[in-house]
Amino acid sequence: MKELIIKGNKSTSKLLVGESIGNLGKYLPPGKVVVITDSNVDAIYRNFYRQYPVIVIGTGEHIKNLTTIAEIYSEMLKMEVDRSWFIVGIGGGLVCDIAGYVASTYMRGLKFGFVSTTLLSQVDASVGGKNGVNFEGYKNHIGTFNQPEFVICDPEMLKTLPKKEILSGFGEIVKHALIADENMFKFLEENYTEAINLNSEAIEQLIYTSVVIKSGVVNRDETEQGERRTLNFGHTLAHAIEKCTPDYTHGEAVAIGMTAAAGFSLHLGRITTPDMNRIIALLKNLGLPVNTTIPKESLIAAMQHDKKREDRAINLVLLNGIGKCEVLKMPVEATIELAAALDRIGE
């Protein structure tokens, strides 16, 4: 087990990579604890937290909204939860986002921790202190910055996931490699078969390296004023895809978004054609999409309402090579070029 630390403005968060859910009790404070989880996770893992009261929510992005938050508040009021209680979110990114938001806002804030059960949440969603819900279809439009006390990343839990959810996590893993670590990208190129088959050595190395990259960025810029914006590579288009259709997982949408951002980077002369070809080849080898049939007009309209927009400008993350990136403040009309980059794939 490896431990990393994120030092937030309000608290310090421990990231426990390789820890077992069976050791959850070691990290919980004395006193009352409530678990928030989803129905799928609860059906498999209830035995590990049966001694605590549990709030079970549904699954799917359509429940990640203020209605679900209100329902959880109501359940907590019935349980007479007060500020002395501790909240544990056990699940994937959706559960962690919801549990973190509830903990950050109920009675002005309770302490909380996560047990991350999916690859996507282990490498991204549960790490970094962003907690939020969607609003009128727009991704994570309402939320907070607040660090969990701990995040347990147990790779053994990944073995219960459907293949599509495993592949979704690789969208964020590739993102970390592209923005910060060329050696990690090479490792993925050479070991993608072992990785997607959850070979323990390969997957633990990728989880740990991803968490090292993200935790380092968050330590330097917790509230996304500068460097943390690099973690949005591929996400401007990805969030637009998710606004337009539920047909893609988050990691699939990010893969398409990264392809577009890389294509835009190539168009601007920031990366080479061989770099572009390597990116597309790796995403395809990992079983991730690199394009979409969603009309470009719909994507552009959604991107121009992205929460990262600032007046008539938007922060776009572009590559300066594999393992290097830069945040550029560009006119919001640059989203047209970003969408157009998909049309150039294969040319």
Protein backbone atom coordinates (compact mmCIF):
# COMPACT_ATOMS: atom_id res chain seq x y z
CA MET A 1 0.00 0.00 0.00
CA LYS A 2 1.24 3.46 -0.96
CA GLU A 3 0.14 6.70 0.67
CA LEU A 4 0.03 10.17 -0.87
CA ILE A 5 -1.00 13.43 0.77
CA ILE A 6 -3.03 16.33 -0.61
CA LYS A 7 -2.84 19.46 1.52
CA GLY A 8 -5.99 21.52 1.03
CA ASN A 9 -6.90 24.89 2.47
CA LYS A 10 -9.30 23.29 4.96
CA SER A 11 -7.89 19.81 5.51
CA THR A 12 -5.31 17.20 4.54
CA SER A 13 -6.39 14.23 2.47
CA LYS A 14 -4.71 10.81 2.48
CA LEU A 15 -4.77 8.82 -0.76
CA LEU A 16 -4.31 5.14 0.03
CA VAL A 17 -3.42 3.24 -3.15
CA GLY A 18 -3.56 -0.52 -2.69
CA GLU A 19 -5.42 -0.41 0.62
CA SER A 20 -8.30 -2.88 1.15
CA ILE A 21 -11.91 -1.98 1.85
CA GLY A 22 -11.60 -4.52 4.64
CA ASN A 23 -9.46 -2.01 6.52
CA LEU A 24 -12.01 0.82 6.27
CA GLY A 25 -12.54 0.90 10.03
CA LYS A 26 -8.90 1.91 10.61
CA TYR A 27 -9.55 5.29 8.99
CA LEU A 28 -12.89 6.15 10.56
CA PRO A 29 -13.07 8.39 13.63
CA PRO A 30 -14.87 7.34 16.81
CA GLY A 31 -18.50 8.36 16.75
CA LYS A 32 -21.33 8.00 14.30
CA VAL A 33 -20.79 7.20 10.64
CA VAL A 34 -23.24 7.14 7.72
CA VAL A 35 -22.45 5.45 4.40
CA ILE A 36 -23.67 6.76 1.06
CA THR A 37 -23.46 4.24 -1.77
CA ASP A 38 -25.35 3.05 -4.84
CA SER A 39 -27.48 -0.02 -5.33
CA ASN A 40 -24.90 -1.92 -7.40
CA VAL A 41 -22.07 -1.42 -4.89
CA ASP A 42 -24.35 -2.15 -1.95
CA ALA A 43 -25.37 -5.51 -3.42
CA ILE A 44 -21.72 -6.63 -3.57
CA TYR A 45 -19.98 -4.97 -0.63
CA ARG A 46 -22.58 -4.41 2.13
CA ASN A 47 -20.80 -6.97 4.34
CA PHE A 48 -17.85 -4.56 4.72
CA TYR A 49 -19.93 -1.75 6.25
CA ARG A 50 -23.04 -3.49 7.59
CA GLN A 51 -22.48 -2.02 11.07
CA TYR A 52 -23.22 1.53 9.84
CA PRO A 53 -26.47 3.15 8.69
CA VAL A 54 -26.58 3.28 4.90
CA ILE A 55 -28.22 5.60 2.37
CA VAL A 56 -28.54 3.82 -0.98
CA ILE A 57 -29.01 5.86 -4.15
CA GLY A 58 -29.61 4.74 -7.71
CA THR A 59 -27.17 4.62 -10.60
CA GLY A 60 -26.68 6.64 -13.76
CA GLU A 61 -25.79 10.22 -14.56
CA HIS A 62 -29.47 11.21 -14.61
CA ILE A 63 -29.63 11.04 -10.78
CA LYS A 64 -26.62 13.32 -10.25
CA ASN A 65 -28.71 16.35 -9.46
CA LEU A 66 -30.14 18.51 -6.68
CA THR A 67 -33.21 16.29 -6.37
CA THR A 68 -31.02 13.39 -5.24
CA ILE A 69 -29.13 15.71 -2.88
CA ALA A 70 -32.42 16.81 -1.29
CA GLU A 71 -33.50 13.19 -0.84
CA ILE A 72 -30.23 12.40 0.96
CA TYR A 73 -30.62 15.47 3.19
CA SER A 74 -34.09 14.19 4.14
CA GLU A 75 -32.74 10.74 5.01
CA MET A 76 -30.01 12.30 7.14
CA LEU A 77 -32.55 14.43 9.00
CA LYS A 78 -34.55 11.28 9.77
CA MET A 79 -31.35 9.67 11.11
CA GLU A 80 -30.74 12.79 13.23
CA VAL A 81 -27.33 13.26 11.65
CA ASP A 82 -25.56 16.27 13.14
CA ARG A 83 -22.15 17.92 12.65
CA SER A 84 -20.41 15.30 14.77
CA TRP A 85 -21.12 12.56 12.21
CA PHE A 86 -18.74 11.32 9.50
CA ILE A 87 -19.84 10.51 5.93
CA VAL A 88 -18.27 7.74 3.84
CA GLY A 89 -18.98 7.61 0.11
CA ILE A 90 -18.46 4.08 -1.24
CA GLY A 91 -18.70 3.87 -5.00
CA GLY A 92 -17.57 5.34 -8.26
CA GLY A 93 -17.25 8.94 -9.36
CA LEU A 94 -20.96 9.66 -9.17
CA VAL A 95 -21.23 8.46 -5.56
CA CYS A 96 -18.06 10.28 -4.53
CA ASP A 97 -19.23 13.53 -6.14
CA ILE A 98 -22.63 13.31 -4.47
CA ALA A 99 -21.33 12.20 -1.06
CA GLY A 100 -18.66 14.91 -1.09
CA TYR A 101 -21.21 17.59 -2.00
CA VAL A 102 -23.63 16.43 0.68
CA ALA A 103 -20.86 16.36 3.30
CA SER A 104 -19.63 19.82 2.28
CA THR A 105 -23.05 21.47 2.50
CA TYR A 106 -25.12 19.65 5.15
CA MET A 107 -25.08 21.75 8.33
CA ARG A 108 -22.29 23.81 6.73
CA GLY A 109 -19.97 20.84 6.49
CA LEU A 110 -19.22 17.36 7.86
CA LYS A 111 -15.97 15.43 7.58
CA PHE A 112 -16.00 12.69 4.97
CA GLY A 113 -13.96 10.01 3.21
CA PHE A 114 -14.24 7.79 0.13
CA VAL A 115 -13.81 4.16 -0.81
CA SER A 116 -13.34 4.37 -4.57
CA THR A 117 -14.76 1.33 -6.38
CA THR A 118 -14.16 2.12 -10.08
CA LEU A 119 -11.03 2.74 -12.09
CA LEU A 120 -12.34 6.14 -13.18
CA SER A 121 -12.85 7.29 -9.61
CA GLN A 122 -9.57 5.78 -8.35
CA VAL A 123 -7.49 7.73 -10.87
CA ASP A 124 -9.57 10.88 -11.06
CA ALA A 125 -13.04 11.52 -9.66
CA SER A 126 -12.38 10.75 -5.99
CA VAL A 127 -9.03 12.59 -5.97
CA GLY A 128 -8.64 16.34 -5.65
CA GLY A 129 -11.55 17.67 -3.61
CA LYS A 130 -14.01 18.59 -6.37
CA ASN A 131 -17.56 17.68 -5.35
CA GLY A 132 -20.59 18.51 -7.41
CA VAL A 133 -23.77 17.70 -9.29
CA ASN A 134 -25.19 18.44 -12.71
CA PHE A 135 -27.73 21.17 -13.36
CA GLU A 136 -30.14 21.24 -16.30
CA GLY A 137 -27.90 18.81 -18.12
CA TYR A 138 -24.67 20.74 -17.61
CA LYS A 139 -21.90 18.67 -16.06
CA ASN A 140 -20.88 19.51 -12.45
CA HIS A 141 -22.31 23.04 -12.69
CA ILE A 142 -22.98 23.18 -8.94
CA GLY A 143 -20.30 22.11 -6.48
CA THR A 144 -17.61 22.76 -3.94
CA PHE A 145 -13.88 22.39 -3.38
CA ASN A 146 -13.43 20.32 -0.23
CA GLN A 147 -10.98 17.51 0.47
CA PRO A 148 -12.01 14.10 1.88
CA GLU A 149 -10.13 12.90 4.95
CA PHE A 150 -9.06 9.80 3.01
CA VAL A 151 -9.54 7.97 -0.27
CA ILE A 152 -9.13 4.19 -0.31
CA CYS A 153 -8.21 2.84 -3.77
CA ASP A 154 -8.53 -0.94 -3.64
CA PRO A 155 -7.55 -2.44 -7.03
CA GLU A 156 -9.21 -5.74 -6.10
CA MET A 157 -12.59 -4.03 -6.29
CA LEU A 158 -12.06 -3.36 -10.00
CA LYS A 159 -12.52 -7.06 -10.75
CA THR A 160 -16.29 -6.76 -10.26
CA LEU A 161 -16.61 -4.02 -12.91
CA PRO A 162 -18.01 -4.54 -16.40
CA LYS A 163 -15.39 -4.11 -19.13
CA LYS A 164 -16.94 -0.86 -20.37
CA GLU A 165 -16.40 0.76 -16.96
CA ILE A 166 -12.78 -0.40 -16.83
CA LEU A 167 -12.13 1.10 -20.26
CA SER A 168 -13.76 4.35 -19.14
CA GLY A 169 -11.07 4.75 -16.49
CA PHE A 170 -8.38 4.57 -19.14
CA GLY A 171 -9.63 7.81 -20.67
CA GLU A 172 -8.41 9.67 -17.58
CA ILE A 173 -5.24 7.58 -17.31
CA VAL A 174 -4.27 8.54 -20.88
CA LYS A 175 -5.07 12.16 -20.04
CA HIS A 176 -2.60 12.17 -17.16
CA ALA A 177 0.08 10.70 -19.40
CA LEU A 178 -0.53 13.20 -22.19
CA ILE A 179 -0.42 16.29 -20.00
CA ALA A 180 2.45 15.34 -17.71
CA ASP A 181 4.36 12.09 -18.28
CA GLU A 182 5.70 10.82 -21.62
CA ASN A 183 7.19 7.74 -19.92
CA MET A 184 3.74 6.83 -18.63
CA PHE A 185 2.43 7.16 -22.19
CA LYS A 186 5.16 4.81 -23.44
CA PHE A 187 4.32 2.34 -20.66
CA LEU A 188 0.70 2.36 -21.83
CA GLU A 189 1.76 1.79 -25.43
CA GLU A 190 3.83 -1.22 -24.40
CA ASN A 191 1.50 -2.68 -21.75
CA TYR A 192 -2.06 -1.80 -22.77
CA THR A 193 -3.13 -5.45 -23.04
CA GLU A 194 -1.96 -6.28 -19.51
CA ALA A 195 -3.48 -3.04 -18.21
CA ILE A 196 -7.00 -3.55 -19.59
CA ASN A 197 -6.91 -7.14 -18.33
CA LEU A 198 -6.15 -5.76 -14.83
CA ASN A 199 -2.73 -7.33 -14.47
CA SER A 200 -1.98 -6.33 -10.88
CA GLU A 201 1.50 -4.91 -11.50
CA ALA A 202 0.45 -2.89 -14.55
CA ILE A 203 -2.81 -1.51 -13.16
CA GLU A 204 -1.39 -0.58 -9.76
CA GLN A 205 1.48 1.27 -11.43
CA LEU A 206 -0.96 3.20 -13.62
CA ILE A 207 -3.28 4.05 -10.71
CA TYR A 208 -0.38 5.20 -8.56
CA THR A 209 1.25 7.27 -11.32
CA SER A 210 -2.09 8.91 -12.16
CA VAL A 211 -2.69 9.78 -8.51
CA VAL A 212 0.85 11.14 -8.17
CA ILE A 213 0.28 13.42 -11.16
CA LYS A 214 -3.14 14.64 -10.05
CA SER A 215 -2.25 15.04 -6.37
CA GLY A 216 0.84 17.06 -7.30
CA VAL A 217 -1.23 19.43 -9.42
CA VAL A 218 -3.92 19.76 -6.74
CA ASN A 219 -1.34 20.45 -4.04
CA ARG A 220 -0.08 23.37 -6.12
CA ASP A 221 -3.48 24.70 -7.21
CA GLU A 222 -6.41 23.33 -5.20
CA THR A 223 -9.13 25.65 -6.49
CA GLU A 224 -8.25 25.66 -10.19
CA GLN A 225 -6.84 29.16 -10.56
CA GLY A 226 -3.97 28.10 -12.85
CA GLU A 227 -2.16 24.78 -13.22
CA ARG A 228 -5.14 22.64 -12.19
CA ARG A 229 -6.87 23.67 -15.39
CA THR A 230 -4.48 21.32 -17.21
CA LEU A 231 -6.50 18.44 -15.72
CA ASN A 232 -9.36 19.58 -17.98
CA PHE A 233 -7.52 18.38 -21.09
CA GLY A 234 -10.15 16.88 -23.38
CA HIS A 235 -12.99 17.84 -21.05
CA THR A 236 -14.39 20.88 -22.86
CA LEU A 237 -15.62 18.68 -25.70
CA ALA A 238 -16.21 15.70 -23.39
CA HIS A 239 -18.69 17.64 -21.27
CA ALA A 240 -20.44 18.82 -24.44
CA ILE A 241 -20.76 15.20 -25.59
CA GLU A 242 -22.21 14.23 -22.22
CA LYS A 243 -24.66 17.14 -22.48
CA CYS A 244 -25.82 15.97 -25.91
CA THR A 245 -26.19 12.24 -25.25
CA PRO A 246 -25.97 9.60 -22.50
CA ASP A 247 -24.54 7.08 -24.96
CA TYR A 248 -20.89 7.52 -23.89
CA THR A 249 -19.20 6.84 -20.58
CA HIS A 250 -17.17 9.73 -19.18
CA GLY A 251 -13.90 8.11 -20.22
CA GLU A 252 -15.18 7.55 -23.75
CA ALA A 253 -16.24 11.19 -24.00
CA VAL A 254 -12.83 12.29 -22.68
CA ALA A 255 -11.10 10.11 -25.29
CA ILE A 256 -13.00 11.89 -28.07
CA GLY A 257 -12.33 15.24 -26.42
CA MET A 258 -8.60 14.50 -26.19
CA THR A 259 -8.51 13.47 -29.83
CA ALA A 260 -10.08 16.79 -30.79
CA ALA A 261 -7.74 18.78 -28.53
CA ALA A 262 -4.74 16.91 -29.94
CA GLY A 263 -6.01 17.55 -33.46
CA PHE A 264 -6.38 21.25 -32.70
CA SER A 265 -2.84 21.20 -31.25
CA LEU A 266 -1.59 19.62 -34.49
CA HIS A 267 -3.45 22.23 -36.55
CA LEU A 268 -1.66 24.97 -34.59
CA GLY A 269 1.74 23.28 -35.05
CA ARG A 270 2.11 22.39 -31.36
CA ILE A 271 2.50 18.63 -31.92
CA THR A 272 3.68 16.54 -34.85
CA THR A 273 1.73 14.17 -37.07
CA PRO A 274 3.60 11.15 -35.58
CA ASP A 275 2.52 12.32 -32.10
CA MET A 276 -1.08 12.55 -33.28
CA ASN A 277 -0.92 9.09 -34.79
CA ARG A 278 0.46 7.64 -31.55
CA ILE A 279 -2.37 9.20 -29.54
CA ILE A 280 -5.06 7.83 -31.84
CA ALA A 281 -3.42 4.39 -31.97
CA LEU A 282 -3.23 4.12 -28.17
CA LEU A 283 -6.84 5.17 -27.65
CA LYS A 284 -7.99 2.63 -30.22
CA ASN A 285 -5.83 -0.10 -28.67
CA LEU A 286 -7.52 0.64 -25.34
CA GLY A 287 -10.93 0.23 -26.94
CA LEU A 288 -11.80 3.92 -26.67
CA PRO A 289 -13.54 5.98 -29.39
CA VAL A 290 -11.80 8.84 -31.20
CA ASN A 291 -14.78 10.42 -32.96
CA THR A 292 -18.53 10.87 -32.69
CA THR A 293 -21.52 11.23 -34.97
CA ILE A 294 -23.09 13.95 -32.80
CA PRO A 295 -23.71 16.99 -35.04
CA LYS A 296 -20.91 19.52 -34.68
CA GLU A 297 -23.43 22.34 -34.27
CA SER A 298 -24.81 20.66 -31.14
CA LEU A 299 -21.34 20.14 -29.71
CA ILE A 300 -20.33 23.75 -30.33
CA ALA A 301 -23.50 25.09 -28.68
CA ALA A 302 -22.88 22.92 -25.60
CA MET A 303 -19.19 23.88 -25.39
CA GLN A 304 -20.04 27.55 -25.48
CA HIS A 305 -22.00 27.08 -22.24
CA ASP A 306 -19.13 25.23 -20.55
CA LYS A 307 -18.59 26.22 -16.92
CA LYS A 308 -14.94 27.06 -17.73
CA ARG A 309 -16.10 29.90 -19.98
CA GLU A 310 -15.21 33.39 -18.79
CA ASP A 311 -17.25 36.05 -20.60
CA ARG A 312 -16.25 35.70 -24.28
CA ALA A 313 -13.19 33.59 -23.54
CA ILE A 314 -12.62 29.96 -22.68
CA ASN A 315 -9.62 28.15 -21.24
CA LEU A 316 -8.53 25.38 -23.60
CA VAL A 317 -5.82 22.87 -22.75
CA LEU A 318 -3.63 22.04 -25.73
CA LEU A 319 -0.57 19.83 -26.10
CA ASN A 320 3.00 20.95 -26.69
CA GLY A 321 4.06 17.35 -27.31
CA ILE A 322 3.29 14.09 -25.55
CA GLY A 323 3.67 14.70 -21.82
CA LYS A 324 3.50 18.50 -22.13
CA CYS A 325 0.54 20.86 -22.21
CA GLU A 326 -0.47 24.48 -21.86
CA VAL A 327 -3.65 26.32 -20.87
CA LEU A 328 -4.58 28.97 -23.43
CA LYS A 329 -7.26 31.61 -22.95
CA MET A 330 -8.93 31.74 -26.35
CA PRO A 331 -12.05 33.37 -27.81
CA VAL A 332 -15.10 31.21 -27.20
CA GLU A 333 -15.32 30.84 -30.99
CA ALA A 334 -12.26 28.58 -30.77
CA THR A 335 -14.72 25.83 -29.87
CA ILE A 336 -15.63 25.80 -33.57
CA GLU A 337 -12.04 24.87 -34.44
CA LEU A 338 -11.99 22.31 -31.64
CA ALA A 339 -15.02 20.54 -33.09
CA ALA A 340 -13.64 20.87 -36.62
CA ALA A 341 -10.50 19.03 -35.53
CA LEU A 342 -12.53 15.81 -35.48
CA ASP A 343 -13.22 16.21 -39.19
CA ARG A 344 -9.49 16.13 -39.92
CA ILE A 345 -8.86 12.76 -38.25
CA GLY A 346 -7.50 10.36 -40.82
CA GLU A 347 -6.54 13.05 -43.30
